[in-house]
Amino acid sequence: MLTKRHLSFSNTIEGFMKLERWIHEIQQKHHLKNVIIGMEPTGHYGYNLANWLADKGKEVVMVNPATTKRNKENRDNSPSKSDPKDALVIADVVSRGVDE
């Protein structure tokens, strides 16, 4: 895990820029040239962000919500939902290259 803190941002250009700065800070801190951004598609909100990030040259991977749900239950035998838990599960799926 590269950071223990999460970032909240709005679904606006200003929010997207806030995310971009946060990603850049993490890249600088850990000397990373590239990042892969994994996310679930959440209607037009997710696609707006994914397209904006892709236009900025970021690699974006969309993870099927069913895959997140299944892997979350396998991880701790609990279907409980939280944004931090989902983020860890999505990162794990993306790192393993698993999606159906």
PDB file of N, CA and C in Angstrom:
ATOM      1  N   MET A   1       0.854  -1.170   0.000  1.00  0.00           N
ATOM      2  CA  MET A   1       0.000   0.000   0.000  1.00  0.00           C
ATOM      3  C   MET A   1       0.902   1.235   0.000  1.00  0.00           C
ATOM      4  N   LEU A   2       0.596   2.156  -0.881  1.00  0.00           N
ATOM      5  CA  LEU A   2       1.430   3.350  -1.028  1.00  0.00           C
ATOM      6  C   LEU A   2       1.022   4.483  -0.106  1.00  0.00           C
ATOM      7  N   THR A   3      -0.227   4.469   0.322  1.00  0.00           N
ATOM      8  CA  THR A   3      -0.700   5.502   1.238  1.00  0.00           C
ATOM      9  C   THR A   3      -1.804   4.939   2.112  1.00  0.00           C
ATOM     10  N   LYS A   4      -1.877   5.404   3.325  1.00  0.00           N
ATOM     11  CA  LYS A   4      -2.948   4.955   4.225  1.00  0.00           C
ATOM     12  C   LYS A   4      -4.124   5.915   4.222  1.00  0.00           C
ATOM     13  N   ARG A   5      -3.936   7.065   3.629  1.00  0.00           N
ATOM     14  CA  ARG A   5      -5.029   8.032   3.621  1.00  0.00           C
ATOM     15  C   ARG A   5      -5.812   7.916   2.319  1.00  0.00           C
ATOM     16  N   HIS A   6      -7.066   8.231   2.399  1.00  0.00           N
ATOM     17  CA  HIS A   6      -7.888   8.229   1.197  1.00  0.00           C
ATOM     18  C   HIS A   6      -8.112   9.677   0.764  1.00  0.00           C
ATOM     19  N   LEU A   7      -8.622   9.821  -0.421  1.00  0.00           N
ATOM     20  CA  LEU A   7      -8.867  11.155  -0.953  1.00  0.00           C
ATOM     21  C   LEU A   7     -10.317  11.250  -1.393  1.00  0.00           C
ATOM     22  N   SER A   8     -10.991  12.255  -0.910  1.00  0.00           N
ATOM     23  CA  SER A   8     -12.338  12.562  -1.387  1.00  0.00           C
ATOM     24  C   SER A   8     -12.223  13.727  -2.349  1.00  0.00           C
ATOM     25  N   PHE A   9     -12.961  13.634  -3.455  1.00  0.00           N
ATOM     26  CA  PHE A   9     -12.940  14.720  -4.413  1.00  0.00           C
ATOM     27  C   PHE A   9     -14.277  14.760  -5.135  1.00  0.00           C
ATOM     28  N   SER A  10     -14.601  15.918  -5.655  1.00  0.00           N
ATOM     29  CA  SER A  10     -15.888  16.096  -6.328  1.00  0.00           C
ATOM     30  C   SER A  10     -15.785  15.676  -7.794  1.00  0.00           C
ATOM     31  N   ASN A  11     -16.940  15.421  -8.370  1.00  0.00           N
ATOM     32  CA  ASN A  11     -17.016  15.015  -9.769  1.00  0.00           C
ATOM     33  C   ASN A  11     -17.064  16.260 -10.658  1.00  0.00           C
ATOM     34  N   THR A  12     -16.015  17.054 -10.536  1.00  0.00           N
ATOM     35  CA  THR A  12     -15.867  18.286 -11.305  1.00  0.00           C
ATOM     36  C   THR A  12     -14.435  18.333 -11.816  1.00  0.00           C
ATOM     37  N   ILE A  13     -14.163  19.235 -12.711  1.00  0.00           N
ATOM     38  CA  ILE A  13     -12.799  19.388 -13.210  1.00  0.00           C
ATOM     39  C   ILE A  13     -11.842  19.709 -12.063  1.00  0.00           C
ATOM     40  N   GLU A  14     -12.311  20.516 -11.107  1.00  0.00           N
ATOM     41  CA  GLU A  14     -11.468  20.848  -9.949  1.00  0.00           C
ATOM     42  C   GLU A  14     -11.182  19.597  -9.117  1.00  0.00           C
ATOM     43  N   GLY A  15     -12.198  18.756  -8.941  1.00  0.00           N
ATOM     44  CA  GLY A  15     -12.010  17.506  -8.207  1.00  0.00           C
ATOM     45  C   GLY A  15     -11.059  16.572  -8.927  1.00  0.00           C
ATOM     46  N   PHE A  16     -11.211  16.477 -10.238  1.00  0.00           N
ATOM     47  CA  PHE A  16     -10.328  15.624 -11.026  1.00  0.00           C
ATOM     48  C   PHE A  16      -8.887  16.119 -10.937  1.00  0.00           C
ATOM     49  N   MET A  17      -8.710  17.432 -10.958  1.00  0.00           N
ATOM     50  CA  MET A  17      -7.368  17.998 -10.841  1.00  0.00           C
ATOM     51  C   MET A  17      -6.779  17.727  -9.455  1.00  0.00           C
ATOM     52  N   LYS A  18      -7.622  17.750  -8.436  1.00  0.00           N
ATOM     53  CA  LYS A  18      -7.179  17.413  -7.083  1.00  0.00           C
ATOM     54  C   LYS A  18      -6.660  15.975  -7.048  1.00  0.00           C
ATOM     55  N   LEU A  19      -7.398  15.059  -7.684  1.00  0.00           N
ATOM     56  CA  LEU A  19      -6.961  13.665  -7.768  1.00  0.00           C
ATOM     57  C   LEU A  19      -5.647  13.560  -8.519  1.00  0.00           C
ATOM     58  N   GLU A  20      -5.538  14.267  -9.617  1.00  0.00           N
ATOM     59  CA  GLU A  20      -4.308  14.224 -10.412  1.00  0.00           C
ATOM     60  C   GLU A  20      -3.106  14.692  -9.594  1.00  0.00           C
ATOM     61  N   ARG A  21      -3.268  15.753  -8.810  1.00  0.00           N
ATOM     62  CA  ARG A  21      -2.174  16.238  -7.946  1.00  0.00           C
ATOM     63  C   ARG A  21      -1.809  15.189  -6.896  1.00  0.00           C
ATOM     64  N   TRP A  22      -2.820  14.539  -6.323  1.00  0.00           N
ATOM     65  CA  TRP A  22      -2.594  13.516  -5.296  1.00  0.00           C
ATOM     66  C   TRP A  22      -1.817  12.343  -5.883  1.00  0.00           C
ATOM     67  N   ILE A  23      -2.215  11.917  -7.078  1.00  0.00           N
ATOM     68  CA  ILE A  23      -1.507  10.823  -7.751  1.00  0.00           C
ATOM     69  C   ILE A  23      -0.054  11.234  -8.006  1.00  0.00           C
ATOM     70  N   HIS A  24       0.147  12.453  -8.474  1.00  0.00           N
ATOM     71  CA  HIS A  24       1.501  12.945  -8.761  1.00  0.00           C
ATOM     72  C   HIS A  24       2.361  12.960  -7.493  1.00  0.00           C
ATOM     73  N   GLU A  25       1.775  13.403  -6.376  1.00  0.00           N
ATOM     74  CA  GLU A  25       2.517  13.409  -5.104  1.00  0.00           C
ATOM     75  C   GLU A  25       2.956  11.999  -4.714  1.00  0.00           C
ATOM     76  N   ILE A  26       2.071  11.026  -4.873  1.00  0.00           N
ATOM     77  CA  ILE A  26       2.407   9.645  -4.527  1.00  0.00           C
ATOM     78  C   ILE A  26       3.491   9.119  -5.466  1.00  0.00           C
ATOM     79  N   GLN A  27       3.380   9.446  -6.746  1.00  0.00           N
ATOM     80  CA  GLN A  27       4.405   9.028  -7.699  1.00  0.00           C
ATOM     81  C   GLN A  27       5.767   9.604  -7.317  1.00  0.00           C
ATOM     82  N   GLN A  28       5.798  10.880  -6.957  1.00  0.00           N
ATOM     83  CA  GLN A  28       7.053  11.512  -6.570  1.00  0.00           C
ATOM     84  C   GLN A  28       7.624  10.879  -5.309  1.00  0.00           C
ATOM     85  N   LYS A  29       6.779  10.675  -4.327  1.00  0.00           N
ATOM     86  CA  LYS A  29       7.231  10.127  -3.041  1.00  0.00           C
ATOM     87  C   LYS A  29       7.825   8.735  -3.196  1.00  0.00           C
ATOM     88  N   HIS A  30       7.251   7.936  -4.084  1.00  0.00           N
ATOM     89  CA  HIS A  30       7.684   6.546  -4.235  1.00  0.00           C
ATOM     90  C   HIS A  30       8.491   6.303  -5.513  1.00  0.00           C
ATOM     91  N   HIS A  31       8.859   7.389  -6.198  1.00  0.00           N
ATOM     92  CA  HIS A  31       9.681   7.306  -7.406  1.00  0.00           C
ATOM     93  C   HIS A  31       9.056   6.382  -8.457  1.00  0.00           C
ATOM     94  N   LEU A  32       7.778   6.604  -8.733  1.00  0.00           N
ATOM     95  CA  LEU A  32       7.051   5.799  -9.713  1.00  0.00           C
ATOM     96  C   LEU A  32       6.918   6.562 -11.019  1.00  0.00           C
ATOM     97  N   LYS A  33       7.256   5.917 -12.117  1.00  0.00           N
ATOM     98  CA  LYS A  33       7.108   6.562 -13.425  1.00  0.00           C
ATOM     99  C   LYS A  33       5.678   6.441 -13.925  1.00  0.00           C
ATOM    100  N   ASN A  34       5.049   5.304 -13.681  1.00  0.00           N
ATOM    101  CA  ASN A  34       3.717   5.052 -14.192  1.00  0.00           C
ATOM    102  C   ASN A  34       2.799   4.552 -13.080  1.00  0.00           C
ATOM    103  N   VAL A  35       1.530   4.767 -13.270  1.00  0.00           N
ATOM    104  CA  VAL A  35       0.522   4.223 -12.358  1.00  0.00           C
ATOM    105  C   VAL A  35      -0.601   3.628 -13.202  1.00  0.00           C
ATOM    106  N   ILE A  36      -1.293   2.678 -12.607  1.00  0.00           N
ATOM    107  CA  ILE A  36      -2.504   2.126 -13.195  1.00  0.00           C
ATOM    108  C   ILE A  36      -3.625   2.487 -12.236  1.00  0.00           C
ATOM    109  N   ILE A  37      -4.653   3.110 -12.747  1.00  0.00           N
ATOM    110  CA  ILE A  37      -5.771   3.531 -11.917  1.00  0.00           C
ATOM    111  C   ILE A  37      -6.911   2.556 -12.143  1.00  0.00           C
ATOM    112  N   GLY A  38      -7.288   1.847 -11.097  1.00  0.00           N
ATOM    113  CA  GLY A  38      -8.386   0.898 -11.171  1.00  0.00           C
ATOM    114  C   GLY A  38      -9.625   1.507 -10.551  1.00  0.00           C
ATOM    115  N   MET A  39     -10.759   1.286 -11.208  1.00  0.00           N
ATOM    116  CA  MET A  39     -12.009   1.829 -10.686  1.00  0.00           C
ATOM    117  C   MET A  39     -13.187   1.031 -11.215  1.00  0.00           C
ATOM    118  N   GLU A  40     -14.277   1.097 -10.484  1.00  0.00           N
ATOM    119  CA  GLU A  40     -15.526   0.519 -10.969  1.00  0.00           C
ATOM    120  C   GLU A  40     -16.244   1.570 -11.805  1.00  0.00           C
ATOM    121  N   PRO A  41     -16.895   1.142 -12.875  1.00  0.00           N
ATOM    122  CA  PRO A  41     -17.703   2.100 -13.625  1.00  0.00           C
ATOM    123  C   PRO A  41     -18.946   2.451 -12.812  1.00  0.00           C
ATOM    124  N   THR A  42     -19.155   3.698 -12.590  1.00  0.00           N
ATOM    125  CA  THR A  42     -20.321   4.142 -11.806  1.00  0.00           C
ATOM    126  C   THR A  42     -21.131   5.109 -12.656  1.00  0.00           C
ATOM    127  N   GLY A  43     -21.704   4.568 -13.715  1.00  0.00           N
ATOM    128  CA  GLY A  43     -22.486   5.407 -14.607  1.00  0.00           C
ATOM    129  C   GLY A  43     -21.636   6.475 -15.251  1.00  0.00           C
ATOM    130  N   HIS A  44     -22.265   7.573 -15.594  1.00  0.00           N
ATOM    131  CA  HIS A  44     -21.533   8.639 -16.278  1.00  0.00           C
ATOM    132  C   HIS A  44     -20.467   9.265 -15.395  1.00  0.00           C
ATOM    133  N   TYR A  45     -20.613   9.171 -14.063  1.00  0.00           N
ATOM    134  CA  TYR A  45     -19.590   9.738 -13.180  1.00  0.00           C
ATOM    135  C   TYR A  45     -18.252   9.034 -13.384  1.00  0.00           C
ATOM    136  N   GLY A  46     -18.276   7.713 -13.346  1.00  0.00           N
ATOM    137  CA  GLY A  46     -17.046   6.946 -13.514  1.00  0.00           C
ATOM    138  C   GLY A  46     -16.446   7.108 -14.891  1.00  0.00           C
ATOM    139  N   TYR A  47     -17.302   7.125 -15.905  1.00  0.00           N
ATOM    140  CA  TYR A  47     -16.789   7.253 -17.265  1.00  0.00           C
ATOM    141  C   TYR A  47     -16.209   8.640 -17.520  1.00  0.00           C
ATOM    142  N   ASN A  48     -16.809   9.673 -16.948  1.00  0.00           N
ATOM    143  CA  ASN A  48     -16.242  11.021 -17.084  1.00  0.00           C
ATOM    144  C   ASN A  48     -14.829  11.057 -16.514  1.00  0.00           C
ATOM    145  N   LEU A  49     -14.658  10.501 -15.322  1.00  0.00           N
ATOM    146  CA  LEU A  49     -13.348  10.485 -14.685  1.00  0.00           C
ATOM    147  C   LEU A  49     -12.371   9.619 -15.478  1.00  0.00           C
ATOM    148  N   ALA A  50     -12.802   8.439 -15.877  1.00  0.00           N
ATOM    149  CA  ALA A  50     -11.923   7.533 -16.619  1.00  0.00           C
ATOM    150  C   ALA A  50     -11.458   8.178 -17.926  1.00  0.00           C
ATOM    151  N   ASN A  51     -12.366   8.808 -18.634  1.00  0.00           N
ATOM    152  CA  ASN A  51     -11.995   9.464 -19.888  1.00  0.00           C
ATOM    153  C   ASN A  51     -11.057  10.633 -19.647  1.00  0.00           C
ATOM    154  N   TRP A  52     -11.297  11.409 -18.598  1.00  0.00           N
ATOM    155  CA  TRP A  52     -10.447  12.545 -18.282  1.00  0.00           C
ATOM    156  C   TRP A  52      -9.030  12.062 -17.956  1.00  0.00           C
ATOM    157  N   LEU A  53      -8.942  11.006 -17.132  1.00  0.00           N
ATOM    158  CA  LEU A  53      -7.633  10.461 -16.773  1.00  0.00           C
ATOM    159  C   LEU A  53      -6.916   9.904 -18.002  1.00  0.00           C
ATOM    160  N   ALA A  54      -7.648   9.189 -18.848  1.00  0.00           N
ATOM    161  CA  ALA A  54      -7.048   8.632 -20.061  1.00  0.00           C
ATOM    162  C   ALA A  54      -6.538   9.751 -20.969  1.00  0.00           C
ATOM    163  N   ASP A  55      -7.306  10.830 -21.072  1.00  0.00           N
ATOM    164  CA  ASP A  55      -6.867  11.979 -21.870  1.00  0.00           C
ATOM    165  C   ASP A  55      -5.590  12.599 -21.310  1.00  0.00           C
ATOM    166  N   LYS A  56      -5.364  12.424 -20.011  1.00  0.00           N
ATOM    167  CA  LYS A  56      -4.146  12.929 -19.364  1.00  0.00           C
ATOM    168  C   LYS A  56      -2.991  11.935 -19.468  1.00  0.00           C
ATOM    169  N   GLY A  57      -3.223  10.810 -20.172  1.00  0.00           N
ATOM    170  CA  GLY A  57      -2.166   9.824 -20.366  1.00  0.00           C
ATOM    171  C   GLY A  57      -2.067   8.778 -19.279  1.00  0.00           C
ATOM    172  N   LYS A  58      -3.041   8.724 -18.392  1.00  0.00           N
ATOM    173  CA  LYS A  58      -3.032   7.728 -17.327  1.00  0.00           C
ATOM    174  C   LYS A  58      -3.659   6.434 -17.822  1.00  0.00           C
ATOM    175  N   GLU A  59      -3.151   5.313 -17.358  1.00  0.00           N
ATOM    176  CA  GLU A  59      -3.756   4.022 -17.687  1.00  0.00           C
ATOM    177  C   GLU A  59      -4.888   3.757 -16.709  1.00  0.00           C
ATOM    178  N   VAL A  60      -6.075   3.529 -17.235  1.00  0.00           N
ATOM    179  CA  VAL A  60      -7.261   3.319 -16.412  1.00  0.00           C
ATOM    180  C   VAL A  60      -7.818   1.939 -16.703  1.00  0.00           C
ATOM    181  N   VAL A  61      -8.092   1.195 -15.633  1.00  0.00           N
ATOM    182  CA  VAL A  61      -8.678  -0.135 -15.749  1.00  0.00           C
ATOM    183  C   VAL A  61     -10.024  -0.114 -15.050  1.00  0.00           C
ATOM    184  N   MET A  62     -11.061  -0.493 -15.780  1.00  0.00           N
ATOM    185  CA  MET A  62     -12.402  -0.579 -15.212  1.00  0.00           C
ATOM    186  C   MET A  62     -12.617  -2.011 -14.699  1.00  0.00           C
ATOM    187  N   VAL A  63     -13.022  -2.126 -13.446  1.00  0.00           N
ATOM    188  CA  VAL A  63     -13.242  -3.424 -12.819  1.00  0.00           C
ATOM    189  C   VAL A  63     -14.745  -3.640 -12.672  1.00  0.00           C
ATOM    190  N   ASN A  64     -15.201  -4.779 -13.128  1.00  0.00           N
ATOM    191  CA  ASN A  64     -16.603  -5.134 -13.039  1.00  0.00           C
ATOM    192  C   ASN A  64     -17.030  -5.168 -11.563  1.00  0.00           C
ATOM    193  N   PRO A  65     -18.119  -4.489 -11.194  1.00  0.00           N
ATOM    194  CA  PRO A  65     -18.577  -4.502  -9.804  1.00  0.00           C
ATOM    195  C   PRO A  65     -18.841  -5.917  -9.264  1.00  0.00           C
ATOM    196  N   ALA A  66     -19.257  -6.830 -10.119  1.00  0.00           N
ATOM    197  CA  ALA A  66     -19.470  -8.216  -9.678  1.00  0.00           C
ATOM    198  C   ALA A  66     -18.151  -8.860  -9.261  1.00  0.00           C
ATOM    199  N   THR A  67     -17.081  -8.516  -9.964  1.00  0.00           N
ATOM    200  CA  THR A  67     -15.759  -9.025  -9.596  1.00  0.00           C
ATOM    201  C   THR A  67     -15.337  -8.471  -8.241  1.00  0.00           C
ATOM    202  N   THR A  68     -15.585  -7.189  -8.029  1.00  0.00           N
ATOM    203  CA  THR A  68     -15.264  -6.580  -6.733  1.00  0.00           C
ATOM    204  C   THR A  68     -16.035  -7.274  -5.619  1.00  0.00           C
ATOM    205  N   LYS A  69     -17.318  -7.486  -5.829  1.00  0.00           N
ATOM    206  CA  LYS A  69     -18.151  -8.119  -4.805  1.00  0.00           C
ATOM    207  C   LYS A  69     -17.651  -9.525  -4.485  1.00  0.00           C
ATOM    208  N   ARG A  70     -17.389 -10.315  -5.514  1.00  0.00           N
ATOM    209  CA  ARG A  70     -16.942 -11.697  -5.313  1.00  0.00           C
ATOM    210  C   ARG A  70     -15.589 -11.726  -4.593  1.00  0.00           C
ATOM    211  N   ASN A  71     -14.663 -10.893  -5.016  1.00  0.00           N
ATOM    212  CA  ASN A  71     -13.340 -10.889  -4.390  1.00  0.00           C
ATOM    213  C   ASN A  71     -13.380 -10.335  -2.976  1.00  0.00           C
ATOM    214  N   LYS A  72     -14.283  -9.412  -2.714  1.00  0.00           N
ATOM    215  CA  LYS A  72     -14.430  -8.866  -1.361  1.00  0.00           C
ATOM    216  C   LYS A  72     -14.873  -9.966  -0.408  1.00  0.00           C
ATOM    217  N   GLU A  73     -15.828 -10.776  -0.822  1.00  0.00           N
ATOM    218  CA  GLU A  73     -16.325 -11.867   0.021  1.00  0.00           C
ATOM    219  C   GLU A  73     -15.242 -12.923   0.225  1.00  0.00           C
ATOM    220  N   ASN A  74     -14.440 -13.181  -0.803  1.00  0.00           N
ATOM    221  CA  ASN A  74     -13.359 -14.162  -0.674  1.00  0.00           C
ATOM    222  C   ASN A  74     -12.253 -13.663   0.244  1.00  0.00           C
ATOM    223  N   ARG A  75     -12.048 -12.369   0.282  1.00  0.00           N
ATOM    224  CA  ARG A  75     -10.965 -11.771   1.072  1.00  0.00           C
ATOM    225  C   ARG A  75     -11.161 -11.951   2.565  1.00  0.00           C
ATOM    226  N   ASP A  76     -12.380 -11.669   3.038  1.00  0.00           N
ATOM    227  CA  ASP A  76     -12.595 -11.746   4.491  1.00  0.00           C
ATOM    228  C   ASP A  76     -13.905 -12.447   4.862  1.00  0.00           C
ATOM    229  N   ASN A  77     -14.474 -13.166   3.888  1.00  0.00           N
ATOM    230  CA  ASN A  77     -15.704 -13.916   4.132  1.00  0.00           C
ATOM    231  C   ASN A  77     -16.838 -13.025   4.618  1.00  0.00           C
ATOM    232  N   SER A  78     -16.840 -11.781   4.174  1.00  0.00           N
ATOM    233  CA  SER A  78     -17.869 -10.844   4.598  1.00  0.00           C
ATOM    234  C   SER A  78     -18.271  -9.970   3.410  1.00  0.00           C
ATOM    235  N   PRO A  79     -19.583  -9.841   3.165  1.00  0.00           N
ATOM    236  CA  PRO A  79     -20.021  -8.989   2.058  1.00  0.00           C
ATOM    237  C   PRO A  79     -20.110  -7.510   2.431  1.00  0.00           C
ATOM    238  N   SER A  80     -19.634  -7.153   3.638  1.00  0.00           N
ATOM    239  CA  SER A  80     -19.750  -5.756   4.076  1.00  0.00           C
ATOM    240  C   SER A  80     -19.082  -4.837   3.064  1.00  0.00           C
ATOM    241  N   LYS A  81     -19.613  -3.635   2.956  1.00  0.00           N
ATOM    242  CA  LYS A  81     -19.145  -2.683   1.948  1.00  0.00           C
ATOM    243  C   LYS A  81     -18.652  -1.411   2.611  1.00  0.00           C
ATOM    244  N   SER A  82     -17.509  -0.953   2.152  1.00  0.00           N
ATOM    245  CA  SER A  82     -17.007   0.365   2.538  1.00  0.00           C
ATOM    246  C   SER A  82     -16.083   0.825   1.416  1.00  0.00           C
ATOM    247  N   ASP A  83     -15.971   2.109   1.233  1.00  0.00           N
ATOM    248  CA  ASP A  83     -15.111   2.626   0.168  1.00  0.00           C
ATOM    249  C   ASP A  83     -13.654   2.193   0.331  1.00  0.00           C
ATOM    250  N   PRO A  84     -13.072   2.288   1.547  1.00  0.00           N
ATOM    251  CA  PRO A  84     -11.678   1.837   1.688  1.00  0.00           C
ATOM    252  C   PRO A  84     -11.512   0.343   1.386  1.00  0.00           C
ATOM    253  N   LYS A  85     -12.476  -0.467   1.820  1.00  0.00           N
ATOM    254  CA  LYS A  85     -12.396  -1.902   1.550  1.00  0.00           C
ATOM    255  C   LYS A  85     -12.500  -2.157   0.050  1.00  0.00           C
ATOM    256  N   ASP A  86     -13.446  -1.496  -0.609  1.00  0.00           N
ATOM    257  CA  ASP A  86     -13.597  -1.654  -2.056  1.00  0.00           C
ATOM    258  C   ASP A  86     -12.332  -1.223  -2.789  1.00  0.00           C
ATOM    259  N   ALA A  87     -11.710  -0.152  -2.347  1.00  0.00           N
ATOM    260  CA  ALA A  87     -10.479   0.324  -2.990  1.00  0.00           C
ATOM    261  C   ALA A  87      -9.374  -0.724  -2.900  1.00  0.00           C
ATOM    262  N   LEU A  88      -9.239  -1.361  -1.750  1.00  0.00           N
ATOM    263  CA  LEU A  88      -8.223  -2.415  -1.600  1.00  0.00           C
ATOM    264  C   LEU A  88      -8.528  -3.604  -2.494  1.00  0.00           C
ATOM    265  N   VAL A  89      -9.783  -3.988  -2.562  1.00  0.00           N
ATOM    266  CA  VAL A  89     -10.177  -5.121  -3.395  1.00  0.00           C
ATOM    267  C   VAL A  89      -9.932  -4.793  -4.873  1.00  0.00           C
ATOM    268  N   ILE A  90     -10.314  -3.602  -5.302  1.00  0.00           N
ATOM    269  CA  ILE A  90     -10.094  -3.192  -6.697  1.00  0.00           C
ATOM    270  C   ILE A  90      -8.599  -3.165  -7.009  1.00  0.00           C
ATOM    271  N   ALA A  91      -7.796  -2.625  -6.105  1.00  0.00           N
ATOM    272  CA  ALA A  91      -6.341  -2.597  -6.318  1.00  0.00           C
ATOM    273  C   ALA A  91      -5.786  -4.009  -6.433  1.00  0.00           C
ATOM    274  N   ASP A  92      -6.284  -4.918  -5.613  1.00  0.00           N
ATOM    275  CA  ASP A  92      -5.837  -6.306  -5.662  1.00  0.00           C
ATOM    276  C   ASP A  92      -6.216  -6.945  -6.997  1.00  0.00           C
ATOM    277  N   VAL A  93      -7.443  -6.717  -7.439  1.00  0.00           N
ATOM    278  CA  VAL A  93      -7.898  -7.275  -8.728  1.00  0.00           C
ATOM    279  C   VAL A  93      -7.047  -6.728  -9.867  1.00  0.00           C
ATOM    280  N   VAL A  94      -6.816  -5.429  -9.880  1.00  0.00           N
ATOM    281  CA  VAL A  94      -6.031  -4.815 -10.955  1.00  0.00           C
ATOM    282  C   VAL A  94      -4.591  -5.346 -10.920  1.00  0.00           C
ATOM    283  N   SER A  95      -4.012  -5.483  -9.751  1.00  0.00           N
ATOM    284  CA  SER A  95      -2.624  -5.936  -9.654  1.00  0.00           C
ATOM    285  C   SER A  95      -2.467  -7.369 -10.142  1.00  0.00           C
ATOM    286  N   ARG A  96      -3.519  -8.167 -10.005  1.00  0.00           N
ATOM    287  CA  ARG A  96      -3.470  -9.552 -10.474  1.00  0.00           C
ATOM    288  C   ARG A  96      -3.966  -9.690 -11.912  1.00  0.00           C
ATOM    289  N   GLY A  97      -4.523  -8.621 -12.458  1.00  0.00           N
ATOM    290  CA  GLY A  97      -5.016  -8.687 -13.824  1.00  0.00           C
ATOM    291  C   GLY A  97      -6.268  -9.530 -13.962  1.00  0.00           C
ATOM    292  N   VAL A  98      -7.069  -9.575 -12.905  1.00  0.00           N
ATOM    293  CA  VAL A  98      -8.261 -10.421 -12.899  1.00  0.00           C
ATOM    294  C   VAL A  98      -9.501  -9.566 -13.102  1.00  0.00           C
ATOM    295  N   ASP A  99     -10.255  -9.900 -14.111  1.00  0.00           N
ATOM    296  CA  ASP A  99     -11.593  -9.324 -14.291  1.00  0.00           C
ATOM    297  C   ASP A  99     -12.313 -10.213 -15.284  1.00  0.00           C
ATOM    298  N   GLU A 100     -13.585 -10.302 -15.078  1.00  0.00           N
ATOM    299  CA  GLU A 100     -14.407 -11.147 -15.950  1.00  0.00           C
ATOM    300  C   GLU A 100     -15.553 -10.362 -16.490  1.00  0.00           C
TER     301      GLU A 100
END
